[in-house]
Amino acid sequence: MVPLLLGITLISFVVIHLAPGEPTDLQTQLNPQASAELQDRLRAQYGLDQPLYVQYGRWLGRLARFDFGDSFAQDNRPVLDKILERLPITILINVLSISAILAVAIPIGILSATRRNSLFDRATTIFVFVGFATPSFWLALLLMDLLGVRLGLFPIVGIKSLGYDYLGWFAKIWDVIHHLILPVLVSAFGGLAGFSRYMRSNMLEVIRQDYILTARAKGLSERVVIYRHALRNALLPVITILGLAVPGLIGGSVIFETIFAIPGMGKLFYDGVMMRDYPLIMGILVIGAVLTLLGNMIADVSYALADPRIRKS
């Protein structure tokens, strides 16, 4: 994981510095009184006057001390403090999205495979194609207009109401849940379609195996054959995809957090890119890379939990 993380940080650092524009441009180009000397002083203050390898070496040295540096924004706050403020809400939304995906996609995939070519299977196939074809930002805007503006069922901005501080303990929890329903629904919709299709194809492959035929020949009930023998083996590819889906969920949070004005890492990352805030961008990319690597490691460990053959080997 450590060499992979170093490679990710190196590529990310080079790419964001190759992008046109610098943090000093936002402070000097729109200011008619800003001289070239002022811009040079700002570049020296931020360390942008040094060669790229020197900048990366200094940043890597701070990272070894778990110091992401200070933001280039006007508040000049430590990047780690800004990330820790926003990280919990993004993790909460992603955990809820993954939980919703697994809770719905796995049963749909199993039922579609065991009832192949039935009305249920055909209906879920149509649902999958619609889910794949629907852009998340377009779905978010439609739901905001229909459920938020027209019907007034859900709030469409933020995660708290204006009078949140005056609510009781239970009312505060419900207020946050009420605000998160639409973002979680948008985040989970595309993944739900994909995972249900993966589960269906894996289950169809497993139930054709000889050991499933043997289990049925021994007189085991269909429920035991499907949920005890077939399901564990069908879950292995889904676990792999789940580990790879973690960066996709984090990256997708940039879209719906910006649309719903949710103060999470996605919104923070978008603001950082717009401001060319290099330390903030690198800090968020490192956090995303670490979560991705941890997701892959958890997937590897989950193989052993799902398949006893891997545990014994």
Protein backbone atom coordinates (compact mmCIF):
# COMPACT_ATOMS: atom_id res chain seq x y z
CA MET A 1 0.00 0.00 0.00
CA VAL A 2 2.85 2.42 0.79
CA PRO A 3 4.51 2.30 -2.68
CA LEU A 4 1.11 2.62 -4.32
CA LEU A 5 0.29 5.64 -2.18
CA LEU A 6 3.61 7.29 -3.07
CA GLY A 7 2.97 6.70 -6.76
CA ILE A 8 -0.52 8.18 -6.51
CA THR A 9 0.74 11.28 -4.71
CA LEU A 10 3.54 11.81 -7.26
CA ILE A 11 1.21 11.60 -10.26
CA SER A 12 -1.41 13.77 -8.58
CA PHE A 13 1.15 16.41 -7.59
CA VAL A 14 2.51 16.66 -11.12
CA VAL A 15 -0.91 16.74 -12.77
CA ILE A 16 -2.39 19.52 -10.64
CA HIS A 17 0.70 21.67 -11.26
CA LEU A 18 0.44 21.07 -15.01
CA ALA A 19 -3.09 22.48 -15.03
CA PRO A 20 -3.24 26.09 -16.28
CA GLY A 21 -3.39 28.85 -13.68
CA GLU A 22 -1.88 29.32 -10.23
CA PRO A 23 -3.28 30.31 -6.82
CA THR A 24 -1.69 33.75 -7.20
CA ASP A 25 -3.71 34.44 -10.36
CA LEU A 26 -6.96 34.72 -8.41
CA GLN A 27 -5.38 37.30 -6.09
CA THR A 28 -3.54 39.41 -8.68
CA GLN A 29 -5.23 39.22 -12.08
CA LEU A 30 -8.50 40.68 -10.85
CA ASN A 31 -6.72 43.38 -8.86
CA PRO A 32 -5.62 46.34 -11.06
CA GLN A 33 -3.20 47.50 -8.36
CA ALA A 34 -1.38 44.15 -8.19
CA SER A 35 2.08 44.46 -9.72
CA ALA A 36 4.35 41.75 -11.09
CA GLU A 37 6.53 42.19 -8.01
CA LEU A 38 3.55 41.40 -5.76
CA GLN A 39 2.83 38.27 -7.77
CA ASP A 40 6.45 37.16 -7.43
CA ARG A 41 6.32 37.69 -3.65
CA LEU A 42 3.14 35.65 -3.42
CA ARG A 43 4.69 32.84 -5.45
CA ALA A 44 7.71 32.87 -3.13
CA GLN A 45 5.42 32.86 -0.08
CA TYR A 46 3.62 29.77 -1.34
CA GLY A 47 6.85 28.12 -2.45
CA LEU A 48 5.75 28.08 -6.09
CA ASP A 49 9.02 29.67 -7.23
CA GLN A 50 10.91 26.46 -6.43
CA PRO A 51 11.38 23.59 -8.93
CA LEU A 52 8.59 21.02 -8.94
CA TYR A 53 10.71 18.25 -7.43
CA VAL A 54 11.67 20.55 -4.54
CA GLN A 55 8.02 21.40 -3.90
CA TYR A 56 7.10 17.71 -3.94
CA GLY A 57 9.97 16.80 -1.62
CA ARG A 58 8.91 19.45 0.91
CA TRP A 59 5.27 18.33 0.69
CA LEU A 60 6.27 14.68 1.13
CA GLY A 61 8.36 15.59 4.17
CA ARG A 62 5.34 17.28 5.76
CA LEU A 63 3.14 14.31 4.85
CA ALA A 64 5.52 11.99 6.73
CA ARG A 65 4.70 14.07 9.84
CA PHE A 66 0.94 13.90 9.01
CA ASP A 67 1.03 17.59 8.13
CA PHE A 68 -0.81 18.54 4.93
CA GLY A 69 0.28 22.16 5.20
CA ASP A 70 -1.86 25.30 5.29
CA SER A 71 -4.56 26.15 2.81
CA PHE A 72 -3.93 28.85 0.20
CA ALA A 73 -7.42 30.25 0.89
CA GLN A 74 -7.92 33.50 2.76
CA ASP A 75 -8.52 31.72 6.08
CA ASN A 76 -5.04 30.09 5.79
CA ARG A 77 -6.20 27.23 8.04
CA PRO A 78 -4.41 23.87 8.28
CA VAL A 79 -5.61 21.54 5.54
CA LEU A 80 -6.03 18.64 7.95
CA ASP A 81 -8.44 20.65 10.11
CA LYS A 82 -10.57 21.54 7.10
CA ILE A 83 -10.66 17.92 5.94
CA LEU A 84 -11.53 16.52 9.37
CA GLU A 85 -14.48 18.93 9.52
CA ARG A 86 -15.91 17.63 6.25
CA LEU A 87 -14.80 13.97 6.24
CA PRO A 88 -17.45 12.53 8.63
CA ILE A 89 -20.43 13.67 6.53
CA THR A 90 -18.91 12.27 3.32
CA ILE A 91 -18.11 8.94 4.99
CA LEU A 92 -21.63 8.82 6.44
CA ILE A 93 -23.25 9.38 3.04
CA ASN A 94 -21.00 6.80 1.36
CA VAL A 95 -21.58 4.19 4.10
CA LEU A 96 -25.34 4.72 3.85
CA SER A 97 -25.16 4.49 0.05
CA ILE A 98 -23.13 1.26 0.10
CA SER A 99 -25.44 -0.23 2.74
CA ALA A 100 -28.51 0.65 0.66
CA ILE A 101 -26.89 -0.78 -2.47
CA LEU A 102 -26.01 -4.10 -0.84
CA ALA A 103 -29.33 -4.41 1.01
CA VAL A 104 -31.31 -4.05 -2.23
CA ALA A 105 -28.97 -5.21 -5.02
CA ILE A 106 -28.05 -8.61 -3.56
CA PRO A 107 -31.67 -9.82 -3.07
CA ILE A 108 -32.63 -8.46 -6.51
CA GLY A 109 -29.69 -10.26 -8.13
CA ILE A 110 -30.50 -13.54 -6.39
CA LEU A 111 -34.18 -13.42 -7.30
CA SER A 112 -33.40 -12.48 -10.90
CA ALA A 113 -30.99 -15.41 -11.25
CA THR A 114 -33.24 -18.00 -9.61
CA ARG A 115 -36.24 -16.76 -11.63
CA ARG A 116 -34.51 -16.27 -14.94
CA ASN A 117 -36.62 -14.88 -17.80
CA SER A 118 -39.55 -14.29 -15.44
CA LEU A 119 -41.52 -11.05 -15.31
CA PHE A 120 -39.46 -9.98 -12.28
CA ASP A 121 -36.20 -10.64 -14.13
CA ARG A 122 -37.32 -8.65 -17.17
CA ALA A 123 -38.52 -5.76 -15.02
CA THR A 124 -35.23 -5.57 -13.10
CA THR A 125 -33.32 -5.73 -16.41
CA ILE A 126 -35.17 -2.62 -17.60
CA PHE A 127 -34.44 -0.97 -14.23
CA VAL A 128 -30.72 -1.75 -14.63
CA PHE A 129 -30.50 -0.19 -18.09
CA VAL A 130 -32.35 2.90 -16.86
CA GLY A 131 -29.99 3.13 -13.87
CA PHE A 132 -26.89 2.86 -16.05
CA ALA A 133 -28.18 5.46 -18.50
CA THR A 134 -29.27 8.08 -15.95
CA PRO A 135 -26.64 10.73 -15.11
CA SER A 136 -26.49 11.33 -11.36
CA PHE A 137 -26.54 15.13 -11.65
CA TRP A 138 -29.62 15.03 -13.90
CA LEU A 139 -31.41 12.65 -11.52
CA ALA A 140 -30.50 14.91 -8.58
CA LEU A 141 -31.98 17.97 -10.28
CA LEU A 142 -35.17 16.09 -11.19
CA LEU A 143 -35.66 14.81 -7.65
CA MET A 144 -34.94 18.23 -6.19
CA ASP A 145 -37.60 19.78 -8.43
CA LEU A 146 -40.21 17.04 -7.95
CA LEU A 147 -39.79 15.91 -4.34
CA GLY A 148 -38.29 19.08 -2.93
CA VAL A 149 -39.82 22.07 -4.75
CA ARG A 150 -43.14 20.80 -6.09
CA LEU A 151 -44.16 18.29 -3.41
CA GLY A 152 -42.10 19.70 -0.54
CA LEU A 153 -41.34 16.25 0.85
CA PHE A 154 -37.60 16.68 1.36
CA PRO A 155 -35.20 19.61 1.86
CA ILE A 156 -32.89 20.22 -1.08
CA VAL A 157 -30.01 22.19 0.48
CA GLY A 158 -27.56 21.37 3.28
CA ILE A 159 -27.87 18.78 6.04
CA LYS A 160 -29.50 20.89 8.76
CA SER A 161 -32.53 23.13 9.05
CA LEU A 162 -32.28 26.77 10.10
CA GLY A 163 -33.70 26.03 13.55
CA TYR A 164 -31.52 22.96 14.11
CA ASP A 165 -29.92 24.25 17.32
CA TYR A 166 -33.33 24.69 18.97
CA LEU A 167 -34.51 21.13 18.23
CA GLY A 168 -34.54 18.24 20.68
CA TRP A 169 -32.13 15.33 20.49
CA PHE A 170 -34.43 13.02 18.53
CA ALA A 171 -35.62 15.88 16.31
CA LYS A 172 -32.00 16.72 15.42
CA ILE A 173 -31.33 13.14 14.32
CA TRP A 174 -34.48 13.07 12.22
CA ASP A 175 -33.63 16.46 10.70
CA VAL A 176 -30.24 15.20 9.49
CA ILE A 177 -31.79 11.96 8.17
CA HIS A 178 -34.48 13.95 6.40
CA HIS A 179 -31.83 16.05 4.65
CA LEU A 180 -29.74 13.00 3.65
CA ILE A 181 -32.51 10.95 2.02
CA LEU A 182 -32.23 12.59 -1.41
CA PRO A 183 -28.38 12.66 -1.57
CA VAL A 184 -28.15 9.01 -0.49
CA LEU A 185 -30.82 8.03 -3.01
CA VAL A 186 -28.96 9.79 -5.82
CA SER A 187 -25.64 8.32 -4.74
CA ALA A 188 -26.99 4.76 -4.51
CA PHE A 189 -29.13 4.67 -7.65
CA GLY A 190 -26.42 4.02 -10.22
CA GLY A 191 -24.54 1.57 -8.00
CA LEU A 192 -27.76 -0.29 -7.21
CA ALA A 193 -28.35 -0.98 -10.89
CA GLY A 194 -24.81 -2.19 -11.48
CA PHE A 195 -24.45 -4.38 -8.39
CA SER A 196 -27.78 -6.12 -8.96
CA ARG A 197 -26.64 -7.07 -12.48
CA TYR A 198 -23.27 -8.30 -11.22
CA MET A 199 -24.99 -10.38 -8.56
CA ARG A 200 -27.37 -11.89 -11.11
CA SER A 201 -24.62 -12.93 -13.52
CA ASN A 202 -22.46 -14.37 -10.72
CA MET A 203 -25.37 -16.33 -9.27
CA LEU A 204 -26.28 -17.73 -12.70
CA GLU A 205 -22.71 -18.91 -13.10
CA VAL A 206 -22.58 -20.54 -9.66
CA ILE A 207 -25.91 -22.39 -9.80
CA ARG A 208 -24.73 -24.18 -12.96
CA GLN A 209 -21.80 -25.76 -11.08
CA ASP A 210 -21.67 -29.47 -10.31
CA TYR A 211 -21.60 -29.06 -6.53
CA ILE A 212 -24.93 -27.22 -6.67
CA LEU A 213 -26.39 -30.15 -8.62
CA THR A 214 -24.94 -32.50 -6.01
CA ALA A 215 -26.45 -30.50 -3.15
CA ARG A 216 -29.87 -30.69 -4.79
CA ALA A 217 -29.44 -34.40 -5.44
CA LYS A 218 -28.75 -34.94 -1.72
CA GLY A 219 -32.23 -33.61 -0.99
CA LEU A 220 -31.31 -30.19 0.42
CA SER A 221 -34.00 -27.54 0.22
CA GLU A 222 -33.72 -24.91 -2.48
CA ARG A 223 -33.32 -22.21 0.17
CA VAL A 224 -30.32 -23.98 1.72
CA VAL A 225 -28.76 -24.61 -1.71
CA ILE A 226 -29.06 -20.98 -2.79
CA TYR A 227 -28.33 -19.07 0.41
CA ARG A 228 -25.82 -21.40 2.05
CA HIS A 229 -23.89 -22.95 -0.83
CA ALA A 230 -24.30 -20.72 -3.88
CA LEU A 231 -24.44 -17.26 -2.31
CA ARG A 232 -20.99 -17.29 -0.73
CA ASN A 233 -19.26 -18.14 -3.98
CA ALA A 234 -21.36 -15.68 -5.95
CA LEU A 235 -20.36 -12.90 -3.54
CA LEU A 236 -16.63 -13.08 -4.32
CA PRO A 237 -16.72 -11.03 -7.56
CA VAL A 238 -19.17 -8.60 -5.93
CA ILE A 239 -16.70 -8.08 -3.07
CA THR A 240 -14.01 -7.24 -5.63
CA ILE A 241 -16.25 -4.71 -7.35
CA LEU A 242 -17.28 -3.26 -3.99
CA GLY A 243 -13.65 -2.56 -3.12
CA LEU A 244 -13.15 -0.83 -6.45
CA ALA A 245 -16.41 1.12 -6.05
CA VAL A 246 -15.12 3.07 -3.03
CA PRO A 247 -13.20 5.67 -5.10
CA GLY A 248 -16.17 5.99 -7.44
CA LEU A 249 -18.48 6.84 -4.57
CA ILE A 250 -16.02 9.36 -3.16
CA GLY A 251 -15.53 10.93 -6.58
CA GLY A 252 -19.26 11.01 -7.18
CA SER A 253 -19.75 12.89 -3.94
CA VAL A 254 -18.17 15.92 -5.63
CA ILE A 255 -21.22 16.11 -7.91
CA PHE A 256 -24.12 15.62 -5.53
CA GLU A 257 -22.50 17.45 -2.60
CA THR A 258 -22.09 20.47 -4.85
CA ILE A 259 -25.67 20.19 -6.15
CA PHE A 260 -27.19 19.72 -2.69
CA ALA A 261 -24.75 22.20 -1.04
CA ILE A 262 -23.65 19.56 1.46
CA PRO A 263 -20.57 20.60 3.45
CA GLY A 264 -18.62 17.42 2.73
CA MET A 265 -15.29 16.57 1.16
CA GLY A 266 -16.76 16.67 -2.34
CA LYS A 267 -17.84 20.28 -1.97
CA LEU A 268 -14.53 21.15 -0.31
CA PHE A 269 -12.62 19.52 -3.16
CA TYR A 270 -14.64 21.42 -5.77
CA ASP A 271 -13.98 24.72 -4.02
CA GLY A 272 -10.28 23.87 -3.72
CA VAL A 273 -9.97 23.13 -7.44
CA MET A 274 -11.71 26.37 -8.36
CA MET A 275 -9.31 28.32 -6.10
CA ARG A 276 -6.19 26.36 -7.19
CA ASP A 277 -5.62 25.48 -3.53
CA TYR A 278 -2.82 22.96 -4.08
CA PRO A 279 -2.34 21.81 -0.44
CA LEU A 280 -6.07 21.28 -0.01
CA ILE A 281 -6.38 19.37 -3.30
CA MET A 282 -3.44 17.12 -2.43
CA GLY A 283 -4.76 16.51 1.08
CA ILE A 284 -8.16 15.38 -0.23
CA LEU A 285 -6.54 13.22 -2.93
CA VAL A 286 -4.37 11.51 -0.31
CA ILE A 287 -7.39 10.82 1.89
CA GLY A 288 -9.26 9.42 -1.12
CA ALA A 289 -6.28 7.26 -2.07
CA VAL A 290 -5.95 5.90 1.47
CA LEU A 291 -9.68 5.06 1.58
CA THR A 292 -9.38 3.35 -1.81
CA LEU A 293 -6.43 1.24 -0.71
CA LEU A 294 -8.20 0.36 2.53
CA GLY A 295 -11.28 -0.63 0.51
CA ASN A 296 -9.17 -3.01 -1.58
CA MET A 297 -7.56 -4.46 1.55
CA ILE A 298 -10.97 -5.00 3.16
CA ALA A 299 -12.08 -6.74 -0.05
CA ASP A 300 -9.09 -9.09 0.18
CA VAL A 301 -9.89 -9.90 3.80
CA SER A 302 -13.55 -10.40 2.94
CA TYR A 303 -12.61 -13.12 0.45
CA ALA A 304 -11.48 -15.30 3.34
CA LEU A 305 -14.63 -14.56 5.30
CA ALA A 306 -16.87 -15.45 2.36
CA ASP A 307 -14.98 -18.50 1.00
CA PRO A 308 -13.59 -21.11 3.42
CA ARG A 309 -11.33 -22.46 0.66
CA ILE A 310 -9.35 -19.20 0.73
CA ARG A 311 -9.16 -19.30 4.54
CA LYS A 312 -7.70 -22.82 4.55
CA SER A 313 -5.23 -22.13 1.77
